[in-house]
PDB file of N, CA and C in Angstrom:
ATOM      1  N   MET A   1     104.978 115.556 214.393  1.00  0.00           N
ATOM      2  CA  MET A   1     105.628 113.660 214.445  1.00  0.00           C
ATOM      3  C   MET A   1     104.469 113.025 214.261  1.00  0.00           C
ATOM      4  N   LYS A   2     102.696 113.386 214.878  1.00  0.00           N
ATOM      5  CA  LYS A   2     101.715 112.648 215.102  1.00  0.00           C
ATOM      6  C   LYS A   2     100.613 112.630 214.058  1.00  0.00           C
ATOM      7  N   LYS A   3     101.277 114.081 213.501  1.00  0.00           N
ATOM      8  CA  LYS A   3     100.427 114.239 212.054  1.00  0.00           C
ATOM      9  C   LYS A   3     100.998 113.304 211.608  1.00  0.00           C
ATOM     10  N   LEU A   4     102.247 113.162 210.885  1.00  0.00           N
ATOM     11  CA  LEU A   4     102.875 112.631 210.427  1.00  0.00           C
ATOM     12  C   LEU A   4     102.430 110.607 210.235  1.00  0.00           C
ATOM     13  N   PHE A   5     102.334 110.522 211.366  1.00  0.00           N
ATOM     14  CA  PHE A   5     101.864 108.750 211.980  1.00  0.00           C
ATOM     15  C   PHE A   5     100.290 109.026 211.228  1.00  0.00           C
ATOM     16  N   ILE A   6     100.051 109.678 211.915  1.00  0.00           N
ATOM     17  CA  ILE A   6      98.428 109.158 211.689  1.00  0.00           C
ATOM     18  C   ILE A   6      98.542 109.841 209.710  1.00  0.00           C
ATOM     19  N   ALA A   7      99.041 110.621 209.137  1.00  0.00           N
ATOM     20  CA  ALA A   7      98.826 110.587 207.737  1.00  0.00           C
ATOM     21  C   ALA A   7      99.443 109.373 206.949  1.00  0.00           C
ATOM     22  N   THR A   8     100.648 108.882 207.611  1.00  0.00           N
ATOM     23  CA  THR A   8     101.415 107.710 206.816  1.00  0.00           C
ATOM     24  C   THR A   8     100.378 106.304 206.909  1.00  0.00           C
ATOM     25  N   VAL A   9      99.532 106.305 208.167  1.00  0.00           N
ATOM     26  CA  VAL A   9      98.066 105.087 208.366  1.00  0.00           C
ATOM     27  C   VAL A   9      97.160 105.297 207.543  1.00  0.00           C
ATOM     28  N   LEU A  10      96.367 106.667 207.702  1.00  0.00           N
ATOM     29  CA  LEU A  10      95.897 106.603 206.760  1.00  0.00           C
ATOM     30  C   LEU A  10      95.988 106.519 205.093  1.00  0.00           C
ATOM     31  N   ALA A  11      97.355 106.684 204.975  1.00  0.00           N
ATOM     32  CA  ALA A  11      97.247 106.462 203.350  1.00  0.00           C
ATOM     33  C   ALA A  11      97.554 104.915 203.190  1.00  0.00           C
ATOM     34  N   ALA A  12      97.938 104.026 203.645  1.00  0.00           N
ATOM     35  CA  ALA A  12      98.434 102.432 204.089  1.00  0.00           C
ATOM     36  C   ALA A  12      97.240 101.767 203.896  1.00  0.00           C
ATOM     37  N   LEU A  13      95.989 102.969 204.876  1.00  0.00           N
ATOM     38  CA  LEU A  13      94.651 102.146 204.562  1.00  0.00           C
ATOM     39  C   LEU A  13      94.463 102.375 203.584  1.00  0.00           C
ATOM     40  N   SER A  14      94.416 103.046 202.578  1.00  0.00           N
ATOM     41  CA  SER A  14      93.944 103.547 201.867  1.00  0.00           C
ATOM     42  C   SER A  14      93.912 102.678 200.361  1.00  0.00           C
ATOM     43  N   LEU A  15      94.264 101.096 200.554  1.00  0.00           N
ATOM     44  CA  LEU A  15      95.025 100.504 199.497  1.00  0.00           C
ATOM     45  C   LEU A  15      93.599 100.392 198.158  1.00  0.00           C
ATOM     46  N   PRO A  16      94.147 100.705 197.291  1.00  0.00           N
ATOM     47  CA  PRO A  16      93.218 100.362 196.038  1.00  0.00           C
ATOM     48  C   PRO A  16      92.595  99.057 196.163  1.00  0.00           C
ATOM     49  N   ALA A  17      90.773  99.065 195.582  1.00  0.00           N
ATOM     50  CA  ALA A  17      90.145  97.789 196.281  1.00  0.00           C
ATOM     51  C   ALA A  17      90.105  96.616 194.983  1.00  0.00           C
ATOM     52  N   LEU A  18      89.872  95.450 195.646  1.00  0.00           N
ATOM     53  CA  LEU A  18      90.326  94.689 194.625  1.00  0.00           C
ATOM     54  C   LEU A  18      89.197  94.776 193.447  1.00  0.00           C
ATOM     55  N   ALA A  19      89.429  94.456 192.177  1.00  0.00           N
ATOM     56  CA  ALA A  19      88.753  94.728 191.264  1.00  0.00           C
ATOM     57  C   ALA A  19      87.547  93.577 191.257  1.00  0.00           C
ATOM     58  N   THR A  20      86.356  93.420 191.144  1.00  0.00           N
ATOM     59  CA  THR A  20      85.087  92.759 191.153  1.00  0.00           C
ATOM     60  C   THR A  20      85.241  91.806 189.550  1.00  0.00           C
ATOM     61  N   THR A  21      85.629  90.623 189.993  1.00  0.00           N
ATOM     62  CA  THR A  21      84.974  90.263 188.805  1.00  0.00           C
ATOM     63  C   THR A  21      83.901  89.269 188.483  1.00  0.00           C
ATOM     64  N   SER A  22      83.397  89.678 187.735  1.00  0.00           N
ATOM     65  CA  SER A  22      81.906  89.109 187.268  1.00  0.00           C
ATOM     66  C   SER A  22      81.665  88.526 186.263  1.00  0.00           C
ATOM     67  N   MET A  23      81.503  87.571 185.692  1.00  0.00           N
ATOM     68  CA  MET A  23      80.564  86.698 184.607  1.00  0.00           C
ATOM     69  C   MET A  23      79.359  87.326 184.089  1.00  0.00           C
ATOM     70  N   LYS A  24      79.469  87.278 182.504  1.00  0.00           N
ATOM     71  CA  LYS A  24      78.666  88.116 181.845  1.00  0.00           C
ATOM     72  C   LYS A  24      77.982  86.471 180.640  1.00  0.00           C
ATOM     73  N   ALA A  25      76.827  86.259 180.883  1.00  0.00           N
ATOM     74  CA  ALA A  25      76.412  85.505 179.903  1.00  0.00           C
ATOM     75  C   ALA A  25      75.666  86.273 178.911  1.00  0.00           C
ATOM     76  N   THR A  26      76.108  85.593 177.220  1.00  0.00           N
ATOM     77  CA  THR A  26      75.008  86.181 176.296  1.00  0.00           C
ATOM     78  C   THR A  26      73.757  84.617 176.378  1.00  0.00           C
ATOM     79  N   VAL A  27      72.920  84.801 176.114  1.00  0.00           N
ATOM     80  CA  VAL A  27      71.930  84.070 176.901  1.00  0.00           C
ATOM     81  C   VAL A  27      70.892  84.313 175.083  1.00  0.00           C
ATOM     82  N   ASN A  28      70.641  83.011 174.770  1.00  0.00           N
ATOM     83  CA  ASN A  28      69.402  83.007 173.860  1.00  0.00           C
ATOM     84  C   ASN A  28      68.545  82.363 174.691  1.00  0.00           C
ATOM     85  N   GLY A  29      66.850  82.645 174.071  1.00  0.00           N
ATOM     86  CA  GLY A  29      65.566  82.117 174.429  1.00  0.00           C
ATOM     87  C   GLY A  29      65.052  82.958 175.313  1.00  0.00           C
ATOM     88  N   MET A  30      65.659  84.180 175.653  1.00  0.00           N
ATOM     89  CA  MET A  30      64.868  84.669 176.769  1.00  0.00           C
ATOM     90  C   MET A  30      64.008  85.758 175.760  1.00  0.00           C
ATOM     91  N   VAL A  31      62.755  85.680 176.152  1.00  0.00           N
ATOM     92  CA  VAL A  31      61.949  86.729 175.021  1.00  0.00           C
ATOM     93  C   VAL A  31      60.709  87.851 175.810  1.00  0.00           C
ATOM     94  N   CYS A  32      61.010  87.251 177.108  1.00  0.00           N
ATOM     95  CA  CYS A  32      59.780  88.751 177.774  1.00  0.00           C
ATOM     96  C   CYS A  32      60.335  88.772 179.330  1.00  0.00           C
ATOM     97  N   ALA A  33      59.603  89.161 179.920  1.00  0.00           N
ATOM     98  CA  ALA A  33      60.404  89.681 181.270  1.00  0.00           C
ATOM     99  C   ALA A  33      60.262  88.889 182.358  1.00  0.00           C
ATOM    100  N   PHE A  34      59.143  87.927 182.312  1.00  0.00           N
ATOM    101  CA  PHE A  34      59.126  86.483 182.983  1.00  0.00           C
ATOM    102  C   PHE A  34      60.383  85.892 182.612  1.00  0.00           C
ATOM    103  N   CYS A  35      60.522  86.015 181.707  1.00  0.00           N
ATOM    104  CA  CYS A  35      62.159  84.467 181.438  1.00  0.00           C
ATOM    105  C   CYS A  35      63.354  85.590 182.179  1.00  0.00           C
ATOM    106  N   ALA A  36      63.359  86.489 182.114  1.00  0.00           N
ATOM    107  CA  ALA A  36      64.101  87.790 182.792  1.00  0.00           C
ATOM    108  C   ALA A  36      63.868  87.479 183.922  1.00  0.00           C
ATOM    109  N   GLN A  37      62.897  87.587 184.988  1.00  0.00           N
ATOM    110  CA  GLN A  37      62.982  87.282 186.252  1.00  0.00           C
ATOM    111  C   GLN A  37      63.130  86.073 186.491  1.00  0.00           C
ATOM    112  N   GLY A  38      62.804  84.851 186.066  1.00  0.00           N
ATOM    113  CA  GLY A  38      62.932  83.378 186.449  1.00  0.00           C
ATOM    114  C   GLY A  38      64.689  82.892 186.073  1.00  0.00           C
ATOM    115  N   ILE A  39      64.989  83.902 185.620  1.00  0.00           N
ATOM    116  CA  ILE A  39      66.531  83.753 185.532  1.00  0.00           C
ATOM    117  C   ILE A  39      67.552  84.430 186.223  1.00  0.00           C
ATOM    118  N   GLU A  40      66.973  85.521 187.122  1.00  0.00           N
ATOM    119  CA  GLU A  40      67.606  86.016 188.125  1.00  0.00           C
ATOM    120  C   GLU A  40      66.954  85.773 188.927  1.00  0.00           C
ATOM    121  N   LYS A  41      65.949  85.037 189.155  1.00  0.00           N
ATOM    122  CA  LYS A  41      65.408  84.839 190.705  1.00  0.00           C
ATOM    123  C   LYS A  41      66.656  82.880 190.953  1.00  0.00           C
ATOM    124  N   ARG A  42      66.721  82.278 189.866  1.00  0.00           N
ATOM    125  CA  ARG A  42      67.073  81.493 189.981  1.00  0.00           C
ATOM    126  C   ARG A  42      68.619  81.663 190.506  1.00  0.00           C
ATOM    127  N   LEU A  43      69.753  82.641 189.834  1.00  0.00           N
ATOM    128  CA  LEU A  43      70.927  83.069 190.011  1.00  0.00           C
ATOM    129  C   LEU A  43      71.291  83.721 190.784  1.00  0.00           C
ATOM    130  N   SER A  44      70.180  84.454 191.994  1.00  0.00           N
ATOM    131  CA  SER A  44      69.995  84.717 192.723  1.00  0.00           C
ATOM    132  C   SER A  44      70.430  84.197 194.252  1.00  0.00           C
ATOM    133  N   LYS A  45      69.842  83.821 193.860  1.00  0.00           N
ATOM    134  CA  LYS A  45      69.823  81.786 195.031  1.00  0.00           C
ATOM    135  C   LYS A  45      70.653  81.392 194.958  1.00  0.00           C
ATOM    136  N   MET A  46      71.691  81.480 194.004  1.00  0.00           N
ATOM    137  CA  MET A  46      73.318  80.773 194.727  1.00  0.00           C
ATOM    138  C   MET A  46      74.362  81.838 195.367  1.00  0.00           C
ATOM    139  N   PRO A  47      75.046  80.647 196.375  1.00  0.00           N
ATOM    140  CA  PRO A  47      75.654  81.645 197.330  1.00  0.00           C
ATOM    141  C   PRO A  47      77.162  82.294 197.110  1.00  0.00           C
ATOM    142  N   GLU A  48      77.093  81.790 195.740  1.00  0.00           N
ATOM    143  CA  GLU A  48      78.494  82.801 195.620  1.00  0.00           C
ATOM    144  C   GLU A  48      77.978  84.147 195.085  1.00  0.00           C
ATOM    145  N   ALA A  49      76.414  84.512 194.348  1.00  0.00           N
ATOM    146  CA  ALA A  49      75.927  85.323 193.948  1.00  0.00           C
ATOM    147  C   ALA A  49      75.749  87.181 195.019  1.00  0.00           C
ATOM    148  N   LYS A  50      75.868  87.938 194.238  1.00  0.00           N
ATOM    149  CA  LYS A  50      75.634  88.742 195.400  1.00  0.00           C
ATOM    150  C   LYS A  50      74.724  89.482 194.946  1.00  0.00           C
ATOM    151  N   ALA A  51      74.691  89.917 193.194  1.00  0.00           N
ATOM    152  CA  ALA A  51      74.184  90.654 192.479  1.00  0.00           C
ATOM    153  C   ALA A  51      73.727  89.754 191.373  1.00  0.00           C
ATOM    154  N   VAL A  52      72.797  89.988 190.614  1.00  0.00           N
ATOM    155  CA  VAL A  52      72.546  89.877 188.918  1.00  0.00           C
ATOM    156  C   VAL A  52      71.845  90.321 188.165  1.00  0.00           C
ATOM    157  N   LEU A  53      72.409  91.251 187.499  1.00  0.00           N
ATOM    158  CA  LEU A  53      71.569  91.330 186.206  1.00  0.00           C
ATOM    159  C   LEU A  53      71.508  90.948 185.176  1.00  0.00           C
ATOM    160  N   VAL A  54      69.810  91.297 184.821  1.00  0.00           N
ATOM    161  CA  VAL A  54      69.831  90.307 183.431  1.00  0.00           C
ATOM    162  C   VAL A  54      69.200  91.529 182.191  1.00  0.00           C
ATOM    163  N   ASP A  55      69.640  91.840 181.187  1.00  0.00           N
ATOM    164  CA  ASP A  55      69.288  92.744 180.611  1.00  0.00           C
ATOM    165  C   ASP A  55      68.514  91.736 178.762  1.00  0.00           C
ATOM    166  N   LEU A  56      66.920  91.884 179.154  1.00  0.00           N
ATOM    167  CA  LEU A  56      66.239  91.710 177.964  1.00  0.00           C
ATOM    168  C   LEU A  56      66.538  91.802 176.794  1.00  0.00           C
ATOM    169  N   LYS A  57      66.645  92.968 176.362  1.00  0.00           N
ATOM    170  CA  LYS A  57      67.073  93.537 175.531  1.00  0.00           C
ATOM    171  C   LYS A  57      68.165  93.484 174.671  1.00  0.00           C
ATOM    172  N   ARG A  58      69.464  93.203 174.918  1.00  0.00           N
ATOM    173  CA  ARG A  58      70.419  93.044 174.770  1.00  0.00           C
ATOM    174  C   ARG A  58      71.120  91.364 175.289  1.00  0.00           C
ATOM    175  N   ARG A  59      69.965  90.790 175.807  1.00  0.00           N
ATOM    176  CA  ARG A  59      70.208  89.097 175.465  1.00  0.00           C
ATOM    177  C   ARG A  59      71.798  88.401 176.345  1.00  0.00           C
ATOM    178  N   PHE A  60      71.822  89.637 177.463  1.00  0.00           N
ATOM    179  CA  PHE A  60      72.581  88.652 178.727  1.00  0.00           C
ATOM    180  C   PHE A  60      72.503  88.833 179.710  1.00  0.00           C
ATOM    181  N   VAL A  61      73.567  88.192 180.478  1.00  0.00           N
ATOM    182  CA  VAL A  61      72.996  88.102 182.098  1.00  0.00           C
ATOM    183  C   VAL A  61      74.196  88.124 182.718  1.00  0.00           C
ATOM    184  N   VAL A  62      74.445  88.941 184.200  1.00  0.00           N
ATOM    185  CA  VAL A  62      76.063  89.468 184.356  1.00  0.00           C
ATOM    186  C   VAL A  62      75.495  89.273 185.735  1.00  0.00           C
ATOM    187  N   VAL A  63      76.388  88.220 186.348  1.00  0.00           N
ATOM    188  CA  VAL A  63      76.408  87.604 187.897  1.00  0.00           C
ATOM    189  C   VAL A  63      77.490  88.284 188.916  1.00  0.00           C
ATOM    190  N   GLU A  64      77.636  89.132 189.607  1.00  0.00           N
ATOM    191  CA  GLU A  64      78.946  89.263 190.525  1.00  0.00           C
ATOM    192  C   GLU A  64      78.529  88.831 191.789  1.00  0.00           C
ATOM    193  N   PRO A  65      80.354  88.244 192.160  1.00  0.00           N
ATOM    194  CA  PRO A  65      80.616  87.386 193.144  1.00  0.00           C
ATOM    195  C   PRO A  65      80.127  88.009 194.646  1.00  0.00           C
ATOM    196  N   ASN A  66      80.059  87.088 195.886  1.00  0.00           N
ATOM    197  CA  ASN A  66      79.960  87.770 197.123  1.00  0.00           C
ATOM    198  C   ASN A  66      81.391  88.126 197.752  1.00  0.00           C
ATOM    199  N   ASP A  67      81.873  88.992 198.227  1.00  0.00           N
ATOM    200  CA  ASP A  67      83.199  89.837 198.824  1.00  0.00           C
ATOM    201  C   ASP A  67      84.127  88.292 199.152  1.00  0.00           C
ATOM    202  N   GLY A  68      85.247  88.049 198.618  1.00  0.00           N
ATOM    203  CA  GLY A  68      85.767  86.851 198.979  1.00  0.00           C
ATOM    204  C   GLY A  68      85.492  85.531 198.004  1.00  0.00           C
ATOM    205  N   MET A  69      84.317  85.489 197.338  1.00  0.00           N
ATOM    206  CA  MET A  69      84.105  84.292 196.655  1.00  0.00           C
ATOM    207  C   MET A  69      84.315  84.301 195.175  1.00  0.00           C
ATOM    208  N   LYS A  70      84.405  82.949 194.657  1.00  0.00           N
ATOM    209  CA  LYS A  70      84.843  82.834 193.041  1.00  0.00           C
ATOM    210  C   LYS A  70      83.369  82.661 192.420  1.00  0.00           C
ATOM    211  N   LEU A  71      82.699  82.568 190.991  1.00  0.00           N
ATOM    212  CA  LEU A  71      81.966  82.257 190.583  1.00  0.00           C
ATOM    213  C   LEU A  71      82.700  81.029 189.255  1.00  0.00           C
ATOM    214  N   ASP A  72      81.598  80.213 189.643  1.00  0.00           N
ATOM    215  CA  ASP A  72      81.821  78.702 188.782  1.00  0.00           C
ATOM    216  C   ASP A  72      81.007  79.442 187.567  1.00  0.00           C
ATOM    217  N   GLU A  73      81.863  79.167 186.576  1.00  0.00           N
ATOM    218  CA  GLU A  73      80.977  79.399 185.100  1.00  0.00           C
ATOM    219  C   GLU A  73      80.506  78.554 184.784  1.00  0.00           C
ATOM    220  N   LYS A  74      80.563  77.066 185.036  1.00  0.00           N
ATOM    221  CA  LYS A  74      80.191  75.627 184.726  1.00  0.00           C
ATOM    222  C   LYS A  74      78.218  75.989 185.232  1.00  0.00           C
ATOM    223  N   LEU A  75      78.997  75.640 186.621  1.00  0.00           N
ATOM    224  CA  LEU A  75      77.336  76.335 187.269  1.00  0.00           C
ATOM    225  C   LEU A  75      76.278  77.230 186.716  1.00  0.00           C
ATOM    226  N   ILE A  76      76.737  78.402 186.301  1.00  0.00           N
ATOM    227  CA  ILE A  76      76.160  79.402 186.216  1.00  0.00           C
ATOM    228  C   ILE A  76      75.358  79.231 184.629  1.00  0.00           C
ATOM    229  N   ILE A  77      76.269  78.113 183.961  1.00  0.00           N
ATOM    230  CA  ILE A  77      75.782  77.954 182.557  1.00  0.00           C
ATOM    231  C   ILE A  77      74.734  76.720 182.594  1.00  0.00           C
ATOM    232  N   ALA A  78      74.874  75.768 183.856  1.00  0.00           N
ATOM    233  CA  ALA A  78      74.448  75.088 184.295  1.00  0.00           C
ATOM    234  C   ALA A  78      73.000  75.081 184.552  1.00  0.00           C
ATOM    235  N   GLU A  79      72.527  76.506 185.656  1.00  0.00           N
ATOM    236  CA  GLU A  79      71.869  77.108 185.827  1.00  0.00           C
ATOM    237  C   GLU A  79      70.496  77.932 184.601  1.00  0.00           C
ATOM    238  N   ILE A  80      71.698  78.377 183.831  1.00  0.00           N
ATOM    239  CA  ILE A  80      70.529  79.152 182.915  1.00  0.00           C
ATOM    240  C   ILE A  80      70.461  77.452 181.872  1.00  0.00           C
ATOM    241  N   LYS A  81      70.984  76.871 181.417  1.00  0.00           N
ATOM    242  CA  LYS A  81      70.337  75.892 180.881  1.00  0.00           C
ATOM    243  C   LYS A  81      69.433  75.215 181.537  1.00  0.00           C
ATOM    244  N   ASP A  82      69.431  75.058 182.760  1.00  0.00           N
ATOM    245  CA  ASP A  82      68.098  73.778 183.300  1.00  0.00           C
ATOM    246  C   ASP A  82      66.884  74.875 183.306  1.00  0.00           C
ATOM    247  N   ALA A  83      67.102  76.317 183.558  1.00  0.00           N
ATOM    248  CA  ALA A  83      66.033  76.938 182.504  1.00  0.00           C
ATOM    249  C   ALA A  83      65.530  76.530 181.484  1.00  0.00           C
ATOM    250  N   GLY A  84      65.915  76.389 181.055  1.00  0.00           N
ATOM    251  CA  GLY A  84      65.667  76.078 179.520  1.00  0.00           C
ATOM    252  C   GLY A  84      66.179  77.567 178.505  1.00  0.00           C
ATOM    253  N   TYR A  85      67.171  77.381 178.504  1.00  0.00           N
ATOM    254  CA  TYR A  85      68.137  78.840 177.997  1.00  0.00           C
ATOM    255  C   TYR A  85      69.250  78.466 177.178  1.00  0.00           C
ATOM    256  N   ASP A  86      69.656  78.631 176.498  1.00  0.00           N
ATOM    257  CA  ASP A  86      71.196  78.531 175.748  1.00  0.00           C
ATOM    258  C   ASP A  86      71.941  79.198 175.881  1.00  0.00           C
ATOM    259  N   VAL A  87      72.946  79.242 176.364  1.00  0.00           N
ATOM    260  CA  VAL A  87      74.264  79.931 176.483  1.00  0.00           C
ATOM    261  C   VAL A  87      75.038  80.086 175.513  1.00  0.00           C
ATOM    262  N   VAL A  88      75.349  81.142 174.426  1.00  0.00           N
ATOM    263  CA  VAL A  88      76.320  81.367 173.541  1.00  0.00           C
ATOM    264  C   VAL A  88      77.578  81.462 173.955  1.00  0.00           C
ATOM    265  N   SER A  89      77.560  82.519 175.334  1.00  0.00           N
ATOM    266  CA  SER A  89      78.878  82.663 175.374  1.00  0.00           C
ATOM    267  C   SER A  89      79.387  83.026 177.010  1.00  0.00           C
ATOM    268  N   VAL A  90      80.276  83.027 177.317  1.00  0.00           N
ATOM    269  CA  VAL A  90      80.389  83.519 178.938  1.00  0.00           C
ATOM    270  C   VAL A  90      82.422  84.758 178.606  1.00  0.00           C
ATOM    271  N   GLU A  91      81.809  85.920 179.694  1.00  0.00           N
ATOM    272  CA  GLU A  91      83.364  86.019 179.580  1.00  0.00           C
ATOM    273  C   GLU A  91      83.267  87.036 181.280  1.00  0.00           C
ATOM    274  N   THR A  92      84.329  86.935 181.201  1.00  0.00           N
ATOM    275  CA  THR A  92      84.473  87.829 182.633  1.00  0.00           C
ATOM    276  C   THR A  92      85.017  88.783 182.666  1.00  0.00           C
ATOM    277  N   LEU A  93      83.991  89.987 183.271  1.00  0.00           N
ATOM    278  CA  LEU A  93      84.448  91.211 183.358  1.00  0.00           C
ATOM    279  C   LEU A  93      85.021  91.487 185.111  1.00  0.00           C
ATOM    280  N   SER A  94      85.361  93.026 184.923  1.00  0.00           N
ATOM    281  CA  SER A  94      85.832  93.914 186.191  1.00  0.00           C
ATOM    282  C   SER A  94      85.331  94.592 186.221  1.00  0.00           C
ATOM    283  N   LYS A  95      83.980  94.678 186.642  1.00  0.00           N
ATOM    284  CA  LYS A  95      82.898  95.392 187.264  1.00  0.00           C
ATOM    285  C   LYS A  95      81.956  94.847 187.673  1.00  0.00           C
ATOM    286  N   SER A  96      81.200  95.712 188.346  1.00  0.00           N
ATOM    287  CA  SER A  96      80.474  95.386 189.340  1.00  0.00           C
ATOM    288  C   SER A  96      78.853  95.477 188.833  1.00  0.00           C
ATOM    289  N   VAL A  97      77.381  94.789 188.909  1.00  0.00           N
ATOM    290  CA  VAL A  97      76.364  94.908 188.613  1.00  0.00           C
ATOM    291  C   VAL A  97      75.693  96.489 188.525  1.00  0.00           C
ATOM    292  N   ALA A  98      76.029  97.153 189.573  1.00  0.00           N
ATOM    293  CA  ALA A  98      75.984  98.568 189.615  1.00  0.00           C
ATOM    294  C   ALA A  98      76.661  99.133 188.470  1.00  0.00           C
ATOM    295  N   GLU A  99      78.121  98.851 188.349  1.00  0.00           N
ATOM    296  CA  GLU A  99      78.796 100.105 187.365  1.00  0.00           C
ATOM    297  C   GLU A  99      77.779  99.480 186.078  1.00  0.00           C
ATOM    298  N   ILE A 100      77.585  98.443 185.989  1.00  0.00           N
ATOM    299  CA  ILE A 100      77.025  98.039 183.893  1.00  0.00           C
ATOM    300  C   ILE A 100      75.776  98.596 184.352  1.00  0.00           C
ATOM    301  N   ARG A 101      75.033  98.561 185.051  1.00  0.00           N
ATOM    302  CA  ARG A 101      74.051  99.113 185.234  1.00  0.00           C
ATOM    303  C   ARG A 101      73.589 100.441 184.728  1.00  0.00           C
ATOM    304  N   ALA A 102      74.581 101.192 185.388  1.00  0.00           N
ATOM    305  CA  ALA A 102      74.481 103.100 184.843  1.00  0.00           C
ATOM    306  C   ALA A 102      75.216 102.985 183.531  1.00  0.00           C
ATOM    307  N   GLU A 103      75.981 102.226 183.076  1.00  0.00           N
ATOM    308  CA  GLU A 103      76.638 102.293 181.657  1.00  0.00           C
ATOM    309  C   GLU A 103      75.312 101.892 181.146  1.00  0.00           C
ATOM    310  N   THR A 104      74.656 101.288 181.358  1.00  0.00           N
ATOM    311  CA  THR A 104      73.469 100.646 180.459  1.00  0.00           C
ATOM    312  C   THR A 104      72.278 101.943 180.180  1.00  0.00           C
ATOM    313  N   LYS A 105      72.322 102.269 181.480  1.00  0.00           N
ATOM    314  CA  LYS A 105      71.103 103.632 181.801  1.00  0.00           C
ATOM    315  C   LYS A 105      72.044 104.987 180.723  1.00  0.00           C
ATOM    316  N   ALA A 106      72.485 105.455 180.861  1.00  0.00           N
ATOM    317  CA  ALA A 106      73.919 105.840 180.125  1.00  0.00           C
ATOM    318  C   ALA A 106      73.589 105.751 179.058  1.00  0.00           C
ATOM    319  N   LYS A 107      73.583 104.294 178.730  1.00  0.00           N
ATOM    320  CA  LYS A 107      73.372 104.753 177.097  1.00  0.00           C
ATOM    321  C   LYS A 107      71.547 104.880 176.622  1.00  0.00           C
ATOM    322  N   LYS A 108      71.096 104.852 177.328  1.00  0.00           N
ATOM    323  CA  LYS A 108      69.858 105.091 176.901  1.00  0.00           C
ATOM    324  C   LYS A 108      69.226 106.308 176.668  1.00  0.00           C
TER     325      LYS A 108
END
């Protein structure tokens, strides 16, 4: 009986993790590593940002939210534009920055 109770509690605790909702922005105007570094540094300072990935070659930026926080699309666009770049589009992704980074490395 005790083993059954423990198994039931463990099964209840292993609920599926909430999907991460990151934002991906396609950005024009990034031409060098200094550009990418500037955007990453700027977005990383946002309290909502847990992780930031800038892919210079594919011209996109991904921002992953801190646990329990939501990202503000308008704020992300404003930060990128204030840094001097154009935002072409923004979409939400159900992936973390680590997952996207791993996928990018696998494609190389």
